[in-house]
Amino acid sequence: MKELIELQAMIEKMRDKLHEIAKDKSLTDMEVVRASQMLDVLLNEYQQMLKNKIK
């Protein structure tokens, strides 16, 4: 359970960072794309943890 809470905090932090970067740059800017990809990785990990917890 602790891992899920920590991962949720990381996701929120990354989401905030992505919004901050994207407000000043094009959505196709490499920095925006990298931040988006990092957020995707965290979200996928979170989804996997939830899936494994339900089993």
PDB file of N, CA and C in Angstrom:
ATOM      1  N   MET A   1       0.819  -1.201   0.000  1.00  0.00           N
ATOM      2  CA  MET A   1       0.000   0.000   0.000  1.00  0.00           C
ATOM      3  C   MET A   1       0.865   1.268   0.000  1.00  0.00           C
ATOM      4  N   LYS A   2       1.961   1.214   0.773  1.00  0.00           N
ATOM      5  CA  LYS A   2       2.861   2.361   0.838  1.00  0.00           C
ATOM      6  C   LYS A   2       3.428   2.696  -0.538  1.00  0.00           C
ATOM      7  N   GLU A   3       3.742   1.645  -1.316  1.00  0.00           N
ATOM      8  CA  GLU A   3       4.297   1.870  -2.657  1.00  0.00           C
ATOM      9  C   GLU A   3       3.300   2.606  -3.546  1.00  0.00           C
ATOM     10  N   LEU A   4       2.016   2.257  -3.437  1.00  0.00           N
ATOM     11  CA  LEU A   4       0.991   2.922  -4.243  1.00  0.00           C
ATOM     12  C   LEU A   4       0.901   4.401  -3.886  1.00  0.00           C
ATOM     13  N   ILE A   5       0.949   4.697  -2.606  1.00  0.00           N
ATOM     14  CA  ILE A   5       0.859   6.092  -2.161  1.00  0.00           C
ATOM     15  C   ILE A   5       2.072   6.881  -2.648  1.00  0.00           C
ATOM     16  N   GLU A   6       3.251   6.281  -2.547  1.00  0.00           N
ATOM     17  CA  GLU A   6       4.467   6.951  -3.024  1.00  0.00           C
ATOM     18  C   GLU A   6       4.415   7.161  -4.536  1.00  0.00           C
ATOM     19  N   LEU A   7       3.918   6.162  -5.242  1.00  0.00           N
ATOM     20  CA  LEU A   7       3.809   6.263  -6.697  1.00  0.00           C
ATOM     21  C   LEU A   7       2.795   7.336  -7.084  1.00  0.00           C
ATOM     22  N   GLN A   8       1.700   7.426  -6.352  1.00  0.00           N
ATOM     23  CA  GLN A   8       0.714   8.479  -6.610  1.00  0.00           C
ATOM     24  C   GLN A   8       1.349   9.862  -6.451  1.00  0.00           C
ATOM     25  N   ALA A   9       2.164  10.023  -5.431  1.00  0.00           N
ATOM     26  CA  ALA A   9       2.846  11.310  -5.213  1.00  0.00           C
ATOM     27  C   ALA A   9       3.796  11.612  -6.365  1.00  0.00           C
ATOM     28  N   MET A  10       4.513  10.597  -6.834  1.00  0.00           N
ATOM     29  CA  MET A  10       5.429  10.790  -7.962  1.00  0.00           C
ATOM     30  C   MET A  10       4.657  11.174  -9.225  1.00  0.00           C
ATOM     31  N   ILE A  11       3.506  10.542  -9.422  1.00  0.00           N
ATOM     32  CA  ILE A  11       2.670  10.845 -10.593  1.00  0.00           C
ATOM     33  C   ILE A  11       2.201  12.296 -10.537  1.00  0.00           C
ATOM     34  N   GLU A  12       1.732  12.731  -9.389  1.00  0.00           N
ATOM     35  CA  GLU A  12       1.273  14.116  -9.262  1.00  0.00           C
ATOM     36  C   GLU A  12       2.400  15.113  -9.499  1.00  0.00           C
ATOM     37  N   LYS A  13       3.577  14.798  -8.977  1.00  0.00           N
ATOM     38  CA  LYS A  13       4.746  15.661  -9.174  1.00  0.00           C
ATOM     39  C   LYS A  13       5.100  15.747 -10.662  1.00  0.00           C
ATOM     40  N   MET A  14       5.105  14.597 -11.327  1.00  0.00           N
ATOM     41  CA  MET A  14       5.451  14.561 -12.751  1.00  0.00           C
ATOM     42  C   MET A  14       4.390  15.265 -13.581  1.00  0.00           C
ATOM     43  N   ARG A  15       3.132  15.109 -13.204  1.00  0.00           N
ATOM     44  CA  ARG A  15       2.041  15.776 -13.921  1.00  0.00           C
ATOM     45  C   ARG A  15       2.194  17.296 -13.802  1.00  0.00           C
ATOM     46  N   ASP A  16       2.513  17.768 -12.602  1.00  0.00           N
ATOM     47  CA  ASP A  16       2.733  19.206 -12.401  1.00  0.00           C
ATOM     48  C   ASP A  16       3.915  19.696 -13.230  1.00  0.00           C
ATOM     49  N   LYS A  17       4.993  18.903 -13.233  1.00  0.00           N
ATOM     50  CA  LYS A  17       6.183  19.272 -14.010  1.00  0.00           C
ATOM     51  C   LYS A  17       5.848  19.339 -15.500  1.00  0.00           C
ATOM     52  N   LEU A  18       5.099  18.370 -15.989  1.00  0.00           N
ATOM     53  CA  LEU A  18       4.706  18.347 -17.399  1.00  0.00           C
ATOM     54  C   LEU A  18       3.892  19.592 -17.745  1.00  0.00           C
ATOM     55  N   HIS A  19       2.929  19.941 -16.909  1.00  0.00           N
ATOM     56  CA  HIS A  19       2.127  21.139 -17.169  1.00  0.00           C
ATOM     57  C   HIS A  19       2.990  22.392 -17.180  1.00  0.00           C
ATOM     58  N   GLU A  20       3.932  22.456 -16.265  1.00  0.00           N
ATOM     59  CA  GLU A  20       4.825  23.614 -16.181  1.00  0.00           C
ATOM     60  C   GLU A  20       5.679  23.736 -17.444  1.00  0.00           C
ATOM     61  N   ILE A  21       6.222  22.631 -17.898  1.00  0.00           N
ATOM     62  CA  ILE A  21       7.058  22.642 -19.107  1.00  0.00           C
ATOM     63  C   ILE A  21       6.220  22.976 -20.333  1.00  0.00           C
ATOM     64  N   ALA A  22       5.051  22.354 -20.432  1.00  0.00           N
ATOM     65  CA  ALA A  22       4.229  22.477 -21.637  1.00  0.00           C
ATOM     66  C   ALA A  22       3.610  23.864 -21.812  1.00  0.00           C
ATOM     67  N   LYS A  23       3.462  24.610 -20.726  1.00  0.00           N
ATOM     68  CA  LYS A  23       2.811  25.918 -20.877  1.00  0.00           C
ATOM     69  C   LYS A  23       3.675  26.909 -21.653  1.00  0.00           C
ATOM     70  N   ASP A  24       4.989  26.683 -21.683  1.00  0.00           N
ATOM     71  CA  ASP A  24       5.897  27.606 -22.367  1.00  0.00           C
ATOM     72  C   ASP A  24       6.473  27.059 -23.666  1.00  0.00           C
ATOM     73  N   LYS A  25       6.126  25.813 -23.987  1.00  0.00           N
ATOM     74  CA  LYS A  25       6.735  25.178 -25.159  1.00  0.00           C
ATOM     75  C   LYS A  25       5.678  24.507 -26.014  1.00  0.00           C
ATOM     76  N   SER A  26       6.075  24.160 -27.203  1.00  0.00           N
ATOM     77  CA  SER A  26       5.215  23.391 -28.096  1.00  0.00           C
ATOM     78  C   SER A  26       5.037  21.981 -27.534  1.00  0.00           C
ATOM     79  N   LEU A  27       3.897  21.398 -27.775  1.00  0.00           N
ATOM     80  CA  LEU A  27       3.650  20.032 -27.294  1.00  0.00           C
ATOM     81  C   LEU A  27       4.545  19.007 -27.974  1.00  0.00           C
ATOM     82  N   THR A  28       5.177  19.391 -29.071  1.00  0.00           N
ATOM     83  CA  THR A  28       6.102  18.478 -29.755  1.00  0.00           C
ATOM     84  C   THR A  28       7.557  18.727 -29.364  1.00  0.00           C
ATOM     85  N   ASP A  29       7.790  19.682 -28.498  1.00  0.00           N
ATOM     86  CA  ASP A  29       9.140  19.949 -27.995  1.00  0.00           C
ATOM     87  C   ASP A  29       9.657  18.701 -27.280  1.00  0.00           C
ATOM     88  N   MET A  30      10.923  18.366 -27.494  1.00  0.00           N
ATOM     89  CA  MET A  30      11.483  17.131 -26.933  1.00  0.00           C
ATOM     90  C   MET A  30      11.397  17.078 -25.407  1.00  0.00           C
ATOM     91  N   GLU A  31      11.536  18.205 -24.743  1.00  0.00           N
ATOM     92  CA  GLU A  31      11.441  18.211 -23.284  1.00  0.00           C
ATOM     93  C   GLU A  31      10.021  17.859 -22.823  1.00  0.00           C
ATOM     94  N   VAL A  32       9.034  18.361 -23.535  1.00  0.00           N
ATOM     95  CA  VAL A  32       7.635  18.041 -23.232  1.00  0.00           C
ATOM     96  C   VAL A  32       7.362  16.567 -23.509  1.00  0.00           C
ATOM     97  N   VAL A  33       7.852  16.094 -24.638  1.00  0.00           N
ATOM     98  CA  VAL A  33       7.649  14.684 -25.001  1.00  0.00           C
ATOM     99  C   VAL A  33       8.291  13.766 -23.966  1.00  0.00           C
ATOM    100  N   ARG A  34       9.522  14.075 -23.545  1.00  0.00           N
ATOM    101  CA  ARG A  34      10.204  13.252 -22.534  1.00  0.00           C
ATOM    102  C   ARG A  34       9.444  13.237 -21.214  1.00  0.00           C
ATOM    103  N   ALA A  35       8.969  14.384 -20.794  1.00  0.00           N
ATOM    104  CA  ALA A  35       8.208  14.462 -19.539  1.00  0.00           C
ATOM    105  C   ALA A  35       6.914  13.658 -19.654  1.00  0.00           C
ATOM    106  N   SER A  36       6.276  13.738 -20.797  1.00  0.00           N
ATOM    107  CA  SER A  36       5.055  12.968 -21.037  1.00  0.00           C
ATOM    108  C   SER A  36       5.335  11.464 -21.004  1.00  0.00           C
ATOM    109  N   GLN A  37       6.445  11.073 -21.601  1.00  0.00           N
ATOM    110  CA  GLN A  37       6.815   9.656 -21.600  1.00  0.00           C
ATOM    111  C   GLN A  37       7.129   9.167 -20.189  1.00  0.00           C
ATOM    112  N   MET A  38       7.781  10.007 -19.404  1.00  0.00           N
ATOM    113  CA  MET A  38       8.089   9.633 -18.017  1.00  0.00           C
ATOM    114  C   MET A  38       6.793   9.474 -17.218  1.00  0.00           C
ATOM    115  N   LEU A  39       5.846  10.361 -17.453  1.00  0.00           N
ATOM    116  CA  LEU A  39       4.551  10.250 -16.789  1.00  0.00           C
ATOM    117  C   LEU A  39       3.842   8.969 -17.219  1.00  0.00           C
ATOM    118  N   ASP A  40       3.915   8.639 -18.491  1.00  0.00           N
ATOM    119  CA  ASP A  40       3.320   7.393 -18.989  1.00  0.00           C
ATOM    120  C   ASP A  40       3.900   6.171 -18.283  1.00  0.00           C
ATOM    121  N   VAL A  41       5.201   6.171 -18.087  1.00  0.00           N
ATOM    122  CA  VAL A  41       5.854   5.044 -17.405  1.00  0.00           C
ATOM    123  C   VAL A  41       5.314   4.915 -15.977  1.00  0.00           C
ATOM    124  N   LEU A  42       5.224   6.038 -15.287  1.00  0.00           N
ATOM    125  CA  LEU A  42       4.705   6.010 -13.917  1.00  0.00           C
ATOM    126  C   LEU A  42       3.253   5.544 -13.874  1.00  0.00           C
ATOM    127  N   LEU A  43       2.445   6.024 -14.807  1.00  0.00           N
ATOM    128  CA  LEU A  43       1.040   5.618 -14.853  1.00  0.00           C
ATOM    129  C   LEU A  43       0.899   4.135 -15.173  1.00  0.00           C
ATOM    130  N   ASN A  44       1.733   3.629 -16.071  1.00  0.00           N
ATOM    131  CA  ASN A  44       1.698   2.207 -16.392  1.00  0.00           C
ATOM    132  C   ASN A  44       2.101   1.364 -15.187  1.00  0.00           C
ATOM    133  N   GLU A  45       3.115   1.824 -14.468  1.00  0.00           N
ATOM    134  CA  GLU A  45       3.556   1.115 -13.265  1.00  0.00           C
ATOM    135  C   GLU A  45       2.444   1.103 -12.214  1.00  0.00           C
ATOM    136  N   TYR A  46       1.776   2.229 -12.055  1.00  0.00           N
ATOM    137  CA  TYR A  46       0.674   2.339 -11.108  1.00  0.00           C
ATOM    138  C   TYR A  46      -0.453   1.376 -11.484  1.00  0.00           C
ATOM    139  N   GLN A  47      -0.801   1.373 -12.755  1.00  0.00           N
ATOM    140  CA  GLN A  47      -1.860   0.485 -13.243  1.00  0.00           C
ATOM    141  C   GLN A  47      -1.486  -0.977 -12.994  1.00  0.00           C
ATOM    142  N   GLN A  48      -0.246  -1.327 -13.229  1.00  0.00           N
ATOM    143  CA  GLN A  48       0.224  -2.702 -13.018  1.00  0.00           C
ATOM    144  C   GLN A  48       0.147  -3.069 -11.533  1.00  0.00           C
ATOM    145  N   MET A  49       0.531  -2.138 -10.678  1.00  0.00           N
ATOM    146  CA  MET A  49       0.462  -2.402  -9.240  1.00  0.00           C
ATOM    147  C   MET A  49      -0.985  -2.637  -8.801  1.00  0.00           C
ATOM    148  N   LEU A  50      -1.899  -1.822  -9.315  1.00  0.00           N
ATOM    149  CA  LEU A  50      -3.312  -1.998  -8.982  1.00  0.00           C
ATOM    150  C   LEU A  50      -3.825  -3.346  -9.471  1.00  0.00           C
ATOM    151  N   LYS A  51      -3.437  -3.697 -10.672  1.00  0.00           N
ATOM    152  CA  LYS A  51      -3.866  -4.982 -11.260  1.00  0.00           C
ATOM    153  C   LYS A  51      -3.368  -6.147 -10.417  1.00  0.00           C
ATOM    154  N   ASN A  52      -2.119  -6.091 -10.000  1.00  0.00           N
ATOM    155  CA  ASN A  52      -1.546  -7.160  -9.191  1.00  0.00           C
ATOM    156  C   ASN A  52      -2.169  -7.218  -7.791  1.00  0.00           C
ATOM    157  N   LYS A  53      -2.555  -6.069  -7.269  1.00  0.00           N
ATOM    158  CA  LYS A  53      -3.165  -6.012  -5.941  1.00  0.00           C
ATOM    159  C   LYS A  53      -4.550  -6.631  -5.940  1.00  0.00           C
ATOM    160  N   ILE A  54      -5.283  -6.474  -7.039  1.00  0.00           N
ATOM    161  CA  ILE A  54      -6.647  -6.999  -7.159  1.00  0.00           C
ATOM    162  C   ILE A  54      -6.646  -8.520  -7.244  1.00  0.00           C
ATOM    163  N   LYS A  55      -5.626  -9.082  -7.842  1.00  0.00           N
ATOM    164  CA  LYS A  55      -5.562 -10.549  -8.016  1.00  0.00           C
ATOM    165  C   LYS A  55      -5.488 -11.279  -6.712  1.00  0.00           C
TER     166      LYS A  55
END
